[in-house]
């Protein structure tokens, strides 16, 4: 149920929110860390800000995320993201104020690690 709710939330992300994130010269750590986790889970290992902005600008990015198959996450990728979660715990603390966009990504991908 949580994954389905998160998929629906990702589908509700407005294009303006994507533009807002992409327009940042350099993202705050919380945004960078969460997007790094998202990219890693999706098998994208270039986690530079340029790569993140390119990912967010991609046509169909919301659909790619909403149809993402968690069963395809390799053990190596899962461990890599878990290391990121442990190393940057404050970025993944629900008490930290997120933009709606980042909150949707956070809610979507965190349950995938628990599968």
Protein backbone atom coordinates (compact mmCIF):
# COMPACT_ATOMS: atom_id res chain seq x y z
CA UNK A 1 0.00 0.00 0.00
CA UNK A 2 2.78 2.48 0.86
CA UNK A 3 4.51 1.93 -2.48
CA UNK A 4 1.22 2.44 -4.35
CA UNK A 5 0.58 5.69 -2.46
CA UNK A 6 4.09 6.85 -3.27
CA UNK A 7 3.66 6.00 -6.97
CA UNK A 8 0.50 8.08 -7.02
CA UNK A 9 2.32 10.94 -5.27
CA UNK A 10 5.12 10.86 -7.86
CA UNK A 11 2.49 11.04 -10.59
CA UNK A 12 1.16 14.22 -8.98
CA UNK A 13 4.48 16.08 -9.15
CA UNK A 14 3.93 19.27 -11.10
CA UNK A 15 6.33 20.25 -13.90
CA UNK A 16 6.99 23.47 -11.99
CA UNK A 17 8.44 21.47 -9.10
CA UNK A 18 10.84 19.72 -11.49
CA UNK A 19 11.83 23.08 -12.96
CA UNK A 20 12.33 24.54 -9.49
CA UNK A 21 14.79 21.80 -8.55
CA UNK A 22 16.62 21.98 -11.89
CA UNK A 23 16.99 25.75 -11.60
CA UNK A 24 19.08 25.49 -8.46
CA UNK A 25 22.71 26.39 -9.02
CA UNK A 26 23.69 23.81 -6.44
CA UNK A 27 21.11 21.86 -4.44
CA UNK A 28 20.95 21.70 -0.65
CA UNK A 29 22.50 18.53 0.74
CA UNK A 30 19.13 16.94 1.47
CA UNK A 31 18.03 17.29 -2.16
CA UNK A 32 21.37 16.12 -3.48
CA UNK A 33 21.47 13.07 -1.20
CA UNK A 34 17.93 11.98 -2.01
CA UNK A 35 18.43 12.42 -5.74
CA UNK A 36 21.70 10.52 -5.50
CA UNK A 37 19.80 7.63 -3.92
CA UNK A 38 17.14 7.81 -6.63
CA UNK A 39 19.72 7.77 -9.42
CA UNK A 40 21.61 4.89 -7.84
CA UNK A 41 18.43 2.84 -7.47
CA UNK A 42 17.63 3.46 -11.12
CA UNK A 43 21.11 2.26 -12.11
CA UNK A 44 22.54 5.70 -12.92
CA UNK A 45 25.96 5.96 -11.34
CA UNK A 46 26.91 9.45 -12.49
CA UNK A 47 25.52 11.36 -9.53
CA UNK A 48 26.90 14.77 -10.41
CA UNK A 49 24.50 17.71 -10.24
CA UNK A 50 24.63 17.94 -14.05
CA UNK A 51 23.51 14.31 -14.28
CA UNK A 52 20.76 14.87 -11.72
CA UNK A 53 19.41 17.88 -13.62
CA UNK A 54 19.54 15.91 -16.85
CA UNK A 55 17.60 13.07 -15.21
CA UNK A 56 14.94 15.47 -13.94
CA UNK A 57 14.65 17.10 -17.38
CA UNK A 58 14.17 13.79 -19.15
CA UNK A 59 10.82 13.36 -20.87
CA UNK A 60 8.79 10.75 -19.01
CA UNK A 61 10.86 10.84 -15.82
CA UNK A 62 7.75 10.59 -13.64
CA UNK A 63 6.50 7.60 -15.62
CA UNK A 64 9.92 5.94 -15.40
CA UNK A 65 9.82 6.30 -11.64
CA UNK A 66 6.18 5.25 -11.29
CA UNK A 67 6.78 2.08 -13.32
CA UNK A 68 10.13 1.32 -11.70
CA UNK A 69 10.42 -2.36 -10.81
CA UNK A 70 11.96 -2.75 -7.36
CA UNK A 71 12.67 -6.44 -7.94
CA UNK A 72 15.33 -5.41 -10.45
CA UNK A 73 17.47 -3.68 -7.83
CA UNK A 74 20.71 -5.62 -7.54
CA UNK A 75 22.26 -6.44 -4.18
CA UNK A 76 25.18 -4.13 -4.99
CA UNK A 77 22.90 -1.19 -5.75
CA UNK A 78 20.80 -1.84 -2.65
CA UNK A 79 23.95 -1.90 -0.50
CA UNK A 80 25.22 1.27 -2.15
CA UNK A 81 21.99 3.11 -1.33
CA UNK A 82 21.93 1.73 2.21
CA UNK A 83 25.48 3.07 2.69
CA UNK A 84 24.29 6.46 1.44
CA UNK A 85 21.35 6.34 3.89
CA UNK A 86 23.68 5.51 6.77
CA UNK A 87 26.35 8.05 5.81
CA UNK A 88 23.90 10.94 5.39
CA UNK A 89 21.24 10.07 7.95
CA UNK A 90 20.07 13.63 8.52
CA UNK A 91 19.14 14.01 4.85
CA UNK A 92 16.75 11.08 5.16
CA UNK A 93 15.23 12.11 8.49
CA UNK A 94 11.47 12.64 8.00
CA UNK A 95 11.67 15.62 10.39
CA UNK A 96 13.79 17.53 7.87
CA UNK A 97 11.69 19.94 5.82
CA UNK A 98 11.41 18.67 2.27
CA UNK A 99 10.00 20.30 -0.80
CA UNK A 100 6.95 18.35 -1.98
CA UNK A 101 8.98 17.05 -4.90
CA UNK A 102 11.72 15.59 -2.73
CA UNK A 103 9.20 14.21 -0.26
CA UNK A 104 7.50 12.28 -3.06
CA UNK A 105 10.80 10.76 -4.16
CA UNK A 106 11.69 9.95 -0.57
CA UNK A 107 8.33 8.28 0.07
CA UNK A 108 8.58 6.32 -3.16
CA UNK A 109 12.09 4.94 -2.95
CA UNK A 110 12.56 4.26 0.75
CA UNK A 111 9.93 1.46 0.81
CA UNK A 112 11.66 -0.16 -2.17
CA UNK A 113 14.72 -0.76 -0.02
CA UNK A 114 12.58 -2.55 2.52
CA UNK A 115 11.22 -5.11 0.03
